[in-house]
Amino acid sequence: MRTFVLAAYPLSGALRAQLEREAGAPVEILVLPELRRLSIPGLARRLRSLEGRCLVPLEDPASEALLPILEALAAATRARTIEIVRADGTHVRGSRLRGLGHLGALLAASADSQVSLRAARRDLDRLLREPRGDTPLTGERVLFLNANLWFGVKAGGSIAHVAGVANALVDRGYELVLATAPDPVGVTEAATVRPLRPPRTYGLPVESNLYRFGRTVDRQLRGLPRPSFVYQRHSIGSYAGAVVARRTGVPLVLEYNGSEVWVARHWGRPLRYERLALDAEAASLHHASLVVTVSRTLADELVERGVERDRVVWHSNGVDADRFDPAGFSVEERRALRGRYGIPDDAVLVTFIGTFGQWHGVDVLARTIRREAEWARRIGVRFLLVGDGLKMPEVRAELEGLADVAVLAGLVPQDDAPLYLAASDVLVSPHVPNADGSPFFGSPTKLFEYMAAGKAIVASDLDQIGDVLRDGLAILVRPGDEADLARGLHEAAESPSLREELGARARARVLERHTWGHHVDAVLEALARVTGS
């Protein structure tokens, strides 16, 4: 009997492999972000096309809030059986009746969502009218607020950024409380973690739950010691940092990695409550004593949006260079990693690790692998693609029949990333320009992890990526150009001496300029300046 999966988010490589072993065959996996892109008639047709055994995995316990939606979707398929797969691996029998029975909880949550949307509108109208407070900086206690509902996201640049900044602040002597909805990954035990509880049940539209959750954040943080400042990682619809900072009378530092409204509009699906999300961004920017961003392009955008330039500081993303030191891994560990995927010890291993998203260029890489497959076989090159995301179906289809050349590893734990890089010979960063022609504003975390790993890099010559890697630190190629990407891969794969030289230069540069310590020092220096401390 055919097995298919309805999940809230892309599964880890380990869970995918486990489910396929149990099924005895590859399983079709559909995730909520993909389904949300369909029209209602298209969604109905897609669900009715599914039959057989339906699995609903909850890899992250927090995603229990999405179970009513997932079971309701499962009830709309032609599944013969429905099974809930809990985080501990146990299976619980589901049913269409229970899926339909969730309707009451969905309706109640949806009604509460509408109340929350109206409350958010009132809050934002007030915050946009009120002047920003000029509050001094005293003491060395920071409240780090991550109010993003990242169900199941346990690896990637966003995770590395949170851990990198938090750990560097602790290294600088700050007493840090991390208030977070996602489980923290890679954060030092010296930090205090204050979990933020998401809604127990999600309502519809799904986006409205961001505001239901946002209403509760300040209440959940009552009773904490007064911080010296609040540091918030900006997320869709969240203005909690401004609320908490104003209540406690301390400065707000807002980490701004780009407009989430722009991202949704150009890389996903436009937000249903776009005006509200834009006002949440505006209120957060207005009340921040300092706005931190990762590229000059984003800094210029902020100034165009009305943020005074002296309230903006930019510094590229960074890396924990010690974690990615290739000297920390033995030959045996590297061989074992390769052996797990059937990659010969003597193969030249070219690795991509990251999100399979709109701007990461993994689809360009997949097409390049297909066109260069015969060369790879002749030279002894193997490709390892680590990660998952919206581009995975396209990548998987492109690499069909090339198992002897390319391996799709899926998502792997964040802590395993340094070993994957250490076991590789060439690392590739094939990012593509923004489709609307606007400047590329990213600062890919993986770029600095690649540099710290001391390996040869083949990367797109795209705004900050090219700026960071000039001076002979990498092989730069034209963004989105498969032929030029192939040229760069040939150059790196066919010259061991060049790989060694490039890797040594890149690691030396990252130690000199691009650790998380460098990033946080720039933030603290700017914060002291704007607060007169």
Protein backbone atom coordinates (compact mmCIF):
# COMPACT_ATOMS: atom_id res chain seq x y z
CA MET A 1 0.00 0.00 0.00
CA ARG A 2 1.30 3.43 -0.96
CA THR A 3 2.46 5.66 1.92
CA PHE A 4 2.32 9.45 1.88
CA VAL A 5 3.19 12.05 4.51
CA LEU A 6 1.44 15.27 5.53
CA ALA A 7 3.86 17.37 7.59
CA ALA A 8 4.06 20.87 8.98
CA TYR A 9 7.58 21.39 7.60
CA PRO A 10 10.40 19.53 5.80
CA LEU A 11 11.49 16.42 7.69
CA SER A 12 15.01 15.73 8.85
CA GLY A 13 16.98 13.29 6.74
CA ALA A 14 16.94 10.80 9.63
CA LEU A 15 13.14 10.84 10.02
CA ARG A 16 12.57 10.64 6.27
CA ALA A 17 14.87 7.59 6.10
CA GLN A 18 13.08 6.00 9.07
CA LEU A 19 9.64 6.43 7.49
CA GLU A 20 10.87 5.07 4.16
CA ARG A 21 12.38 2.03 5.90
CA GLU A 22 9.06 1.39 7.62
CA ALA A 23 7.17 1.80 4.32
CA GLY A 24 9.65 -0.30 2.38
CA ALA A 25 9.69 2.31 -0.42
CA PRO A 26 10.13 6.06 -1.01
CA VAL A 27 7.29 8.13 0.45
CA GLU A 28 5.67 11.23 -0.97
CA ILE A 29 5.97 14.15 1.45
CA LEU A 30 3.71 17.20 1.36
CA VAL A 31 4.36 20.10 3.71
CA LEU A 32 2.06 22.92 4.76
CA PRO A 33 4.07 25.72 3.09
CA GLU A 34 3.67 23.94 -0.28
CA LEU A 35 -0.03 23.27 0.23
CA ARG A 36 -0.70 26.88 1.23
CA ARG A 37 0.52 28.01 -2.18
CA LEU A 38 -2.39 26.20 -3.87
CA SER A 39 -5.79 27.69 -4.59
CA ILE A 40 -8.70 26.16 -2.67
CA PRO A 41 -9.83 24.11 -5.71
CA GLY A 42 -6.21 23.11 -6.35
CA LEU A 43 -5.78 22.06 -2.73
CA ALA A 44 -8.94 19.97 -2.86
CA ARG A 45 -7.78 18.22 -6.02
CA ARG A 46 -4.31 17.59 -4.57
CA LEU A 47 -5.70 16.09 -1.38
CA ARG A 48 -8.17 13.87 -3.23
CA SER A 49 -5.31 12.53 -5.36
CA LEU A 50 -3.70 11.02 -2.25
CA GLU A 51 -4.60 7.50 -1.25
CA GLY A 52 -3.12 4.67 0.81
CA ARG A 53 -1.49 5.03 4.21
CA CYS A 54 -1.23 8.60 5.55
CA LEU A 55 1.43 9.49 8.13
CA VAL A 56 1.29 12.78 10.06
CA PRO A 57 4.70 13.24 11.75
CA LEU A 58 5.21 15.69 14.62
CA GLU A 59 8.99 15.81 14.73
CA ASP A 60 8.96 18.95 16.87
CA PRO A 61 6.69 18.62 19.96
CA ALA A 62 5.70 22.29 19.58
CA SER A 63 4.04 21.46 16.27
CA GLU A 64 1.24 19.71 18.18
CA ALA A 65 -0.54 23.06 17.72
CA LEU A 66 -0.80 22.27 14.02
CA LEU A 67 -2.20 18.76 14.52
CA PRO A 68 -5.86 19.79 14.08
CA ILE A 69 -5.06 21.34 10.71
CA LEU A 70 -2.95 18.36 9.60
CA GLU A 71 -5.57 15.82 10.67
CA ALA A 72 -8.31 17.82 8.96
CA LEU A 73 -6.24 17.79 5.76
CA ALA A 74 -5.66 14.06 6.16
CA ALA A 75 -9.41 13.55 6.52
CA ALA A 76 -9.89 15.19 3.12
CA THR A 77 -7.62 12.66 1.38
CA ARG A 78 -8.55 9.16 0.24
CA ALA A 79 -6.29 7.58 2.86
CA ARG A 80 -7.20 4.10 4.04
CA THR A 81 -5.40 4.64 7.34
CA ILE A 82 -4.17 7.76 9.16
CA GLU A 83 -1.33 7.54 11.70
CA ILE A 84 0.10 10.28 13.90
CA VAL A 85 3.87 9.85 14.38
CA ARG A 86 4.90 11.47 17.68
CA ALA A 87 8.30 13.05 18.38
CA ASP A 88 9.40 9.89 20.23
CA GLY A 89 8.65 7.74 17.16
CA THR A 90 5.47 6.13 18.45
CA HIS A 91 2.48 5.79 16.10
CA VAL A 92 -1.06 6.71 17.17
CA ARG A 93 -4.01 5.76 15.02
CA GLY A 94 -5.92 8.72 13.62
CA SER A 95 -9.28 8.81 11.91
CA ARG A 96 -11.42 10.93 9.64
CA LEU A 97 -13.94 11.28 12.44
CA ARG A 98 -11.31 12.71 14.77
CA GLY A 99 -10.06 14.96 11.98
CA LEU A 100 -13.56 16.33 11.56
CA GLY A 101 -13.88 16.53 15.34
CA HIS A 102 -11.08 19.08 15.40
CA LEU A 103 -13.43 21.49 13.69
CA GLY A 104 -14.67 22.89 17.02
CA ALA A 105 -11.14 23.62 18.24
CA LEU A 106 -10.27 25.17 14.88
CA LEU A 107 -13.31 27.42 14.99
CA ALA A 108 -12.56 28.57 18.54
CA ALA A 109 -8.92 29.27 17.70
CA SER A 110 -9.96 31.07 14.51
CA ALA A 111 -12.38 33.30 16.47
CA ASP A 112 -9.61 34.12 18.94
CA SER A 113 -7.37 34.96 15.99
CA GLN A 114 -9.80 37.62 14.82
CA VAL A 115 -9.83 39.16 18.32
CA SER A 116 -6.02 39.17 18.26
CA LEU A 117 -5.88 40.84 14.87
CA ARG A 118 -8.07 43.69 16.10
CA ALA A 119 -5.97 44.02 19.27
CA ALA A 120 -2.77 44.13 17.20
CA ARG A 121 -4.26 46.90 15.06
CA ARG A 122 -4.95 48.98 18.18
CA ASP A 123 -1.49 48.28 19.61
CA LEU A 124 0.26 49.28 16.41
CA ASP A 125 -1.76 52.45 15.96
CA ARG A 126 -0.69 53.48 19.46
CA LEU A 127 2.98 52.49 19.02
CA LEU A 128 3.25 54.34 15.72
CA ARG A 129 1.96 57.53 17.39
CA GLU A 130 4.14 57.35 20.50
CA PRO A 131 7.65 58.84 20.46
CA ARG A 132 10.66 56.62 20.90
CA GLY A 133 12.07 56.78 24.39
CA ASP A 134 15.68 57.88 24.95
CA THR A 135 16.73 55.35 27.55
CA PRO A 136 20.26 54.96 28.92
CA LEU A 137 22.24 51.74 28.84
CA THR A 138 23.23 50.44 32.27
CA GLY A 139 24.45 47.06 33.46
CA GLU A 140 25.29 43.90 31.54
CA ARG A 141 22.06 41.93 31.36
CA VAL A 142 20.34 41.27 28.02
CA LEU A 143 16.96 39.82 27.13
CA PHE A 144 17.29 38.12 23.72
CA LEU A 145 13.84 37.75 22.20
CA ASN A 146 13.23 35.24 19.40
CA ALA A 147 9.47 35.28 18.88
CA ASN A 148 9.53 33.49 15.54
CA LEU A 149 7.32 30.40 15.29
CA TRP A 150 9.89 28.19 13.53
CA PHE A 151 8.20 24.82 13.82
CA GLY A 152 10.72 22.11 13.04
CA VAL A 153 13.55 24.42 12.00
CA LYS A 154 16.59 22.95 13.71
CA ALA A 155 19.28 23.79 11.17
CA GLY A 156 20.22 26.65 8.87
CA GLY A 157 21.50 30.18 8.90
CA SER A 158 18.78 31.58 11.16
CA ILE A 159 19.57 28.99 13.84
CA ALA A 160 23.30 29.69 13.55
CA HIS A 161 22.70 33.44 13.79
CA VAL A 162 20.68 33.19 17.01
CA ALA A 163 23.24 30.91 18.66
CA GLY A 164 26.20 32.94 17.37
CA VAL A 165 24.95 36.28 18.69
CA ALA A 166 23.73 34.81 21.99
CA ASN A 167 27.00 32.98 22.65
CA ALA A 168 29.13 35.99 21.71
CA LEU A 169 27.15 38.21 24.10
CA VAL A 170 27.77 35.69 26.88
CA ASP A 171 31.47 35.60 25.95
CA ARG A 172 31.52 39.38 26.35
CA GLY A 173 30.37 39.04 29.95
CA TYR A 174 26.62 39.58 29.55
CA GLU A 175 24.07 37.72 31.64
CA LEU A 176 21.71 36.54 28.91
CA VAL A 177 18.13 35.31 28.98
CA LEU A 178 17.00 33.80 25.68
CA ALA A 179 13.21 34.01 25.42
CA THR A 180 12.37 31.75 22.51
CA ALA A 181 9.50 29.89 20.92
CA PRO A 182 11.73 27.48 18.95
CA ASP A 183 13.91 25.11 20.93
CA PRO A 184 17.40 26.65 21.10
CA VAL A 185 20.11 24.87 19.12
CA GLY A 186 23.81 25.43 19.81
CA VAL A 187 23.25 28.02 22.55
CA THR A 188 25.70 27.95 25.45
CA GLU A 189 24.56 26.45 28.74
CA ALA A 190 25.66 29.71 30.39
CA ALA A 191 22.56 31.37 28.90
CA THR A 192 19.20 31.10 30.65
CA VAL A 193 16.46 29.84 28.33
CA ARG A 194 12.93 31.10 28.88
CA PRO A 195 10.58 29.09 26.61
CA LEU A 196 7.76 31.04 24.99
CA ARG A 197 4.60 28.94 24.70
CA PRO A 198 2.90 29.08 21.29
CA PRO A 199 -0.88 28.61 20.95
CA ARG A 200 -2.00 25.08 21.86
CA THR A 201 -4.19 24.94 18.76
CA TYR A 202 -3.83 26.92 15.57
CA GLY A 203 -6.72 28.71 13.94
CA LEU A 204 -7.33 29.84 10.39
CA PRO A 205 -6.02 31.75 8.54
CA VAL A 206 -2.68 30.32 9.70
CA GLU A 207 -0.97 33.73 9.53
CA SER A 208 -3.33 35.14 12.18
CA ASN A 209 -1.74 32.90 14.80
CA LEU A 210 1.36 35.08 14.73
CA TYR A 211 -0.71 37.84 16.31
CA ARG A 212 -2.41 35.46 18.77
CA PHE A 213 1.03 34.41 19.93
CA GLY A 214 2.40 37.96 19.89
CA ARG A 215 -0.28 39.12 22.33
CA THR A 216 1.05 36.71 24.95
CA VAL A 217 4.79 37.38 24.74
CA ASP A 218 5.00 40.36 27.09
CA ARG A 219 2.77 38.58 29.61
CA GLN A 220 4.97 35.48 29.47
CA LEU A 221 8.05 37.59 30.25
CA ARG A 222 6.66 39.32 33.35
CA GLY A 223 8.71 38.60 36.43
CA LEU A 224 12.10 38.49 34.71
CA PRO A 225 14.81 40.78 36.11
CA ARG A 226 15.00 44.13 34.33
CA PRO A 227 17.47 43.80 31.45
CA SER A 228 20.02 46.37 30.34
CA PHE A 229 18.55 46.15 26.85
CA VAL A 230 16.20 44.00 24.79
CA TYR A 231 17.63 42.38 21.67
CA GLN A 232 14.93 41.13 19.29
CA ARG A 233 15.34 39.10 16.12
CA HIS A 234 12.67 40.58 13.87
CA SER A 235 9.97 38.19 12.65
CA ILE A 236 6.68 38.50 10.76
CA GLY A 237 4.06 40.46 12.68
CA SER A 238 6.07 40.69 15.90
CA TYR A 239 6.38 43.98 17.75
CA ALA A 240 6.88 42.35 21.16
CA GLY A 241 10.39 43.77 21.52
CA ALA A 242 9.03 47.33 21.41
CA VAL A 243 6.35 46.48 23.98
CA VAL A 244 8.77 44.81 26.40
CA ALA A 245 11.46 47.48 26.04
CA ARG A 246 8.93 50.27 26.70
CA ARG A 247 7.48 48.47 29.72
CA THR A 248 10.91 47.92 31.26
CA GLY A 249 12.31 51.32 30.25
CA VAL A 250 15.37 50.00 28.43
CA PRO A 251 16.77 50.35 24.88
CA LEU A 252 15.60 48.05 22.11
CA VAL A 253 18.11 46.58 19.66
CA LEU A 254 16.28 45.21 16.63
CA GLU A 255 18.01 42.64 14.43
CA TYR A 256 16.64 43.22 10.94
CA ASN A 257 17.53 40.65 8.28
CA GLY A 258 15.22 42.08 5.64
CA SER A 259 11.54 42.83 5.25
CA GLU A 260 9.51 39.69 5.91
CA VAL A 261 6.73 41.26 3.86
CA TRP A 262 9.06 41.51 0.85
CA VAL A 263 10.23 37.93 1.37
CA ALA A 264 6.67 36.62 1.47
CA ARG A 265 5.69 38.61 -1.60
CA HIS A 266 8.67 37.56 -3.74
CA TRP A 267 9.80 34.18 -2.38
CA GLY A 268 6.58 32.64 -1.19
CA ARG A 269 2.99 33.76 -0.99
CA PRO A 270 1.94 37.37 -0.23
CA LEU A 271 0.79 37.83 3.34
CA ARG A 272 -2.94 37.93 3.95
CA TYR A 273 -2.46 40.70 6.53
CA GLU A 274 0.31 42.53 4.71
CA ARG A 275 -0.61 46.02 5.97
CA LEU A 276 -0.57 44.81 9.58
CA ALA A 277 2.81 43.13 9.10
CA LEU A 278 4.25 46.28 7.50
CA ASP A 279 3.05 48.33 10.47
CA ALA A 280 4.60 45.81 12.88
CA GLU A 281 7.91 46.30 11.05
CA ALA A 282 7.48 50.08 11.13
CA ALA A 283 6.64 50.16 14.85
CA SER A 284 9.62 47.97 15.72
CA LEU A 285 11.98 50.09 13.61
CA HIS A 286 10.56 53.29 15.10
CA HIS A 287 11.06 52.25 18.72
CA ALA A 288 14.50 50.64 18.29
CA SER A 289 17.38 52.63 19.72
CA LEU A 290 19.58 50.64 17.33
CA VAL A 291 18.77 48.57 14.25
CA VAL A 292 21.32 45.87 13.42
CA THR A 293 21.56 44.43 9.95
CA VAL A 294 23.95 42.29 7.93
CA SER A 295 24.61 44.15 4.68
CA ARG A 296 25.11 47.67 3.36
CA THR A 297 22.15 47.12 1.03
CA LEU A 298 19.83 46.54 4.00
CA ALA A 299 21.33 49.50 5.87
CA ASP A 300 20.57 51.76 2.90
CA GLU A 301 17.03 50.35 2.68
CA LEU A 302 16.45 51.18 6.34
CA VAL A 303 17.54 54.77 5.80
CA GLU A 304 15.16 55.01 2.83
CA ARG A 305 12.38 53.81 5.16
CA GLY A 306 13.06 56.70 7.50
CA VAL A 307 15.42 55.19 10.08
CA GLU A 308 18.11 57.71 10.96
CA ARG A 309 21.50 56.50 9.76
CA ASP A 310 23.07 56.93 13.19
CA ARG A 311 20.56 54.35 14.52
CA VAL A 312 21.69 51.75 11.97
CA VAL A 313 24.74 49.50 12.23
CA TRP A 314 25.59 46.81 9.73
CA HIS A 315 28.07 43.98 9.94
CA SER A 316 28.13 40.79 7.91
CA ASN A 317 27.05 37.53 9.46
CA GLY A 318 29.68 35.50 11.24
CA VAL A 319 30.76 32.09 12.40
CA ASP A 320 32.02 30.20 15.43
CA ALA A 321 35.39 29.49 13.84
CA ASP A 322 36.42 26.94 16.46
CA ARG A 323 33.38 24.72 15.73
CA PHE A 324 34.23 24.65 12.03
CA ASP A 325 37.98 24.13 12.39
CA PRO A 326 38.71 21.14 10.12
CA ALA A 327 41.58 20.14 12.40
CA GLY A 328 38.98 19.06 14.94
CA PHE A 329 37.97 16.02 12.86
CA SER A 330 40.02 12.88 12.35
CA VAL A 331 40.57 11.07 9.07
CA GLU A 332 38.44 8.22 10.42
CA GLU A 333 35.51 10.55 11.18
CA ARG A 334 35.65 12.01 7.69
CA ARG A 335 35.80 8.58 6.08
CA ALA A 336 32.87 7.37 8.16
CA LEU A 337 30.78 10.34 7.05
CA ARG A 338 31.57 9.65 3.40
CA GLY A 339 30.90 5.95 3.88
CA ARG A 340 27.42 6.71 5.22
CA TYR A 341 26.52 8.02 1.75
CA GLY A 342 28.59 5.59 -0.32
CA ILE A 343 31.14 8.24 -1.33
CA PRO A 344 34.63 6.83 -2.01
CA ASP A 345 37.55 8.08 0.06
CA ASP A 346 39.40 9.19 -3.06
CA ALA A 347 36.47 11.07 -4.62
CA VAL A 348 36.61 14.85 -4.90
CA LEU A 349 33.57 15.73 -2.81
CA VAL A 350 31.66 18.90 -3.73
CA THR A 351 29.14 19.89 -1.04
CA PHE A 352 26.24 22.31 -0.75
CA ILE A 353 24.71 22.73 2.68
CA GLY A 354 21.79 25.04 3.39
CA THR A 355 18.19 25.87 2.62
CA PHE A 356 16.69 24.80 -0.68
CA GLY A 357 15.08 28.21 -1.06
CA GLN A 358 14.41 30.78 -3.75
CA TRP A 359 17.69 32.66 -3.54
CA HIS A 360 20.10 29.87 -2.60
CA GLY A 361 20.57 28.63 -6.17
CA VAL A 362 20.41 24.93 -5.39
CA ASP A 363 18.22 24.41 -8.48
CA VAL A 364 20.98 25.98 -10.60
CA LEU A 365 23.46 23.60 -8.99
CA ALA A 366 21.22 20.60 -9.70
CA ARG A 367 20.96 21.51 -13.39
CA THR A 368 24.73 21.98 -13.52
CA ILE A 369 25.28 18.56 -11.97
CA ARG A 370 23.13 16.96 -14.66
CA ARG A 371 24.99 18.67 -17.50
CA GLU A 372 28.37 17.77 -15.96
CA ALA A 373 27.53 14.21 -14.88
CA GLU A 374 29.85 12.53 -17.41
CA TRP A 375 32.73 14.79 -16.41
CA ALA A 376 32.08 13.98 -12.74
CA ARG A 377 32.17 10.24 -13.43
CA ARG A 378 35.38 10.55 -15.45
CA ILE A 379 37.24 12.71 -12.91
CA GLY A 380 35.87 11.01 -9.79
CA VAL A 381 33.75 13.90 -8.50
CA ARG A 382 30.78 13.37 -6.21
CA PHE A 383 28.18 15.91 -5.11
CA LEU A 384 26.53 15.99 -1.68
CA LEU A 385 23.52 18.28 -1.23
CA VAL A 386 22.50 18.76 2.41
CA GLY A 387 19.25 20.48 3.38
CA ASP A 388 15.64 20.81 2.32
CA GLY A 389 13.07 23.44 1.38
CA LEU A 390 10.62 24.55 -1.28
CA LYS A 391 13.04 23.77 -4.12
CA MET A 392 13.51 20.14 -3.04
CA PRO A 393 10.92 18.64 -5.46
CA GLU A 394 12.57 20.45 -8.38
CA VAL A 395 16.05 19.38 -7.28
CA ARG A 396 15.00 15.79 -6.69
CA ALA A 397 13.44 15.61 -10.17
CA GLU A 398 16.54 17.12 -11.80
CA LEU A 399 18.86 14.59 -10.13
CA GLU A 400 16.69 11.56 -10.95
CA GLY A 401 18.93 8.75 -12.23
CA LEU A 402 22.18 10.37 -11.02
CA ALA A 403 22.59 8.50 -7.73
CA ASP A 404 26.15 7.52 -8.70
CA VAL A 405 27.06 11.23 -8.99
CA ALA A 406 24.90 13.13 -6.50
CA VAL A 407 23.44 12.37 -3.06
CA LEU A 408 20.56 14.22 -1.41
CA ALA A 409 21.19 13.96 2.33
CA GLY A 410 18.11 15.92 3.47
CA LEU A 411 18.15 17.90 6.69
CA VAL A 412 20.87 17.01 9.19
CA PRO A 413 21.35 18.24 12.77
CA GLN A 414 22.98 21.64 13.07
CA ASP A 415 25.77 20.18 15.20
CA ASP A 416 26.74 17.79 12.37
CA ALA A 417 27.36 20.53 9.80
CA PRO A 418 31.07 21.06 10.66
CA LEU A 419 31.84 17.37 10.00
CA TYR A 420 30.08 17.46 6.62
CA LEU A 421 32.24 20.43 5.61
CA ALA A 422 35.42 18.86 6.98
CA ALA A 423 34.77 15.69 4.93
CA SER A 424 34.42 17.73 1.72
CA ASP A 425 36.95 19.09 -0.77
CA VAL A 426 34.96 21.85 -2.47
CA LEU A 427 32.07 23.88 -1.06
CA VAL A 428 29.60 25.60 -3.33
CA SER A 429 27.46 28.72 -2.80
CA PRO A 430 25.45 29.21 -6.03
CA HIS A 431 23.17 32.06 -4.89
CA VAL A 432 21.06 33.84 -7.50
CA PRO A 433 19.94 37.49 -7.86
CA ASN A 434 16.55 38.68 -6.65
CA ALA A 435 13.96 38.00 -9.31
CA ASP A 436 12.54 41.55 -9.13
CA GLY A 437 15.92 43.11 -9.94
CA SER A 438 16.43 44.62 -6.48
CA PRO A 439 19.93 44.40 -4.96
CA PHE A 440 20.84 41.14 -3.27
CA PHE A 441 20.69 41.95 0.44
CA GLY A 442 21.72 38.65 2.01
CA SER A 443 24.73 37.72 4.07
CA PRO A 444 24.68 33.90 3.87
CA THR A 445 25.78 32.34 7.14
CA LYS A 446 27.00 29.30 5.25
CA LEU A 447 29.52 31.48 3.42
CA PHE A 448 31.42 32.13 6.65
CA GLU A 449 31.05 28.53 7.76
CA TYR A 450 32.58 27.48 4.44
CA MET A 451 35.47 29.89 5.00
CA ALA A 452 36.04 28.66 8.56
CA ALA A 453 36.14 25.06 7.27
CA GLY A 454 39.26 25.90 5.28
CA LYS A 455 38.01 24.44 1.99
CA ALA A 456 37.99 25.71 -1.57
CA ILE A 457 34.81 27.67 -2.31
CA VAL A 458 33.01 28.15 -5.60
CA ALA A 459 30.53 31.00 -5.14
CA SER A 460 28.36 33.45 -7.02
CA ASP A 461 29.90 36.88 -7.49
CA LEU A 462 26.83 38.54 -6.01
CA ASP A 463 26.98 41.72 -3.91
CA GLN A 464 28.26 40.92 -0.39
CA ILE A 465 29.23 37.36 -1.36
CA GLY A 466 31.65 38.68 -3.98
CA ASP A 467 32.85 41.49 -1.72
CA VAL A 468 33.76 39.06 1.07
CA LEU A 469 35.47 36.50 -1.19
CA ARG A 470 37.58 38.76 -3.38
CA ASP A 471 41.37 38.92 -3.02
CA GLY A 472 41.86 35.30 -4.07
CA LEU A 473 39.72 33.68 -1.36
CA ALA A 474 37.44 31.71 -3.71
CA ILE A 475 36.51 30.97 -7.31
CA LEU A 476 33.77 33.44 -8.21
CA VAL A 477 31.23 32.70 -10.94
CA ARG A 478 28.40 34.58 -12.64
CA PRO A 479 25.18 34.19 -10.59
CA GLY A 480 22.65 31.84 -12.17
CA ASP A 481 25.00 30.88 -15.03
CA GLU A 482 25.24 27.09 -15.22
CA ALA A 483 28.13 27.13 -17.69
CA ASP A 484 30.20 29.46 -15.50
CA LEU A 485 29.35 27.46 -12.38
CA ALA A 486 30.58 24.37 -14.22
CA ARG A 487 33.78 26.23 -15.12
CA GLY A 488 34.39 27.06 -11.45
CA LEU A 489 33.71 23.47 -10.34
CA HIS A 490 36.15 22.13 -12.96
CA GLU A 491 38.82 24.58 -11.82
CA ALA A 492 38.49 23.61 -8.16
CA ALA A 493 38.01 19.86 -8.60
CA GLU A 494 40.97 19.43 -10.94
CA SER A 495 43.60 21.27 -8.85
CA PRO A 496 44.42 19.95 -5.35
CA SER A 497 47.04 22.68 -4.83
CA LEU A 498 44.55 25.41 -5.66
CA ARG A 499 42.02 23.93 -3.22
CA GLU A 500 44.58 23.94 -0.43
CA GLU A 501 45.64 27.52 -1.15
CA LEU A 502 42.09 28.88 -1.32
CA GLY A 503 41.03 27.08 1.85
CA ALA A 504 43.96 28.41 3.88
CA ARG A 505 43.34 31.99 2.75
CA ALA A 506 39.61 31.81 3.47
CA ARG A 507 40.07 30.50 7.01
CA ALA A 508 42.69 33.14 7.78
CA ARG A 509 40.32 35.88 6.60
CA VAL A 510 37.38 34.64 8.65
CA LEU A 511 39.53 34.61 11.79
CA GLU A 512 40.59 38.16 11.04
CA ARG A 513 37.17 39.69 10.30
CA HIS A 514 34.14 37.44 10.40
CA THR A 515 33.59 35.68 13.73
CA TRP A 516 30.44 36.23 15.78
CA GLY A 517 32.67 38.10 18.21
CA HIS A 518 33.47 40.65 15.48
CA HIS A 519 29.75 40.98 14.73
CA VAL A 520 28.68 41.50 18.35
CA ASP A 521 31.53 43.92 19.07
CA ALA A 522 30.22 46.13 16.25
CA VAL A 523 26.73 46.00 17.77
CA LEU A 524 27.85 46.82 21.30
CA GLU A 525 30.05 49.69 20.13
CA ALA A 526 27.15 51.21 18.18
CA LEU A 527 24.73 50.69 21.08
CA ALA A 528 27.07 52.50 23.47
CA ARG A 529 27.28 55.36 20.98
CA VAL A 530 23.54 55.83 20.43
CA THR A 531 22.73 55.60 24.14
CA GLY A 532 25.60 57.88 25.19
CA SER A 533 27.05 55.15 27.44
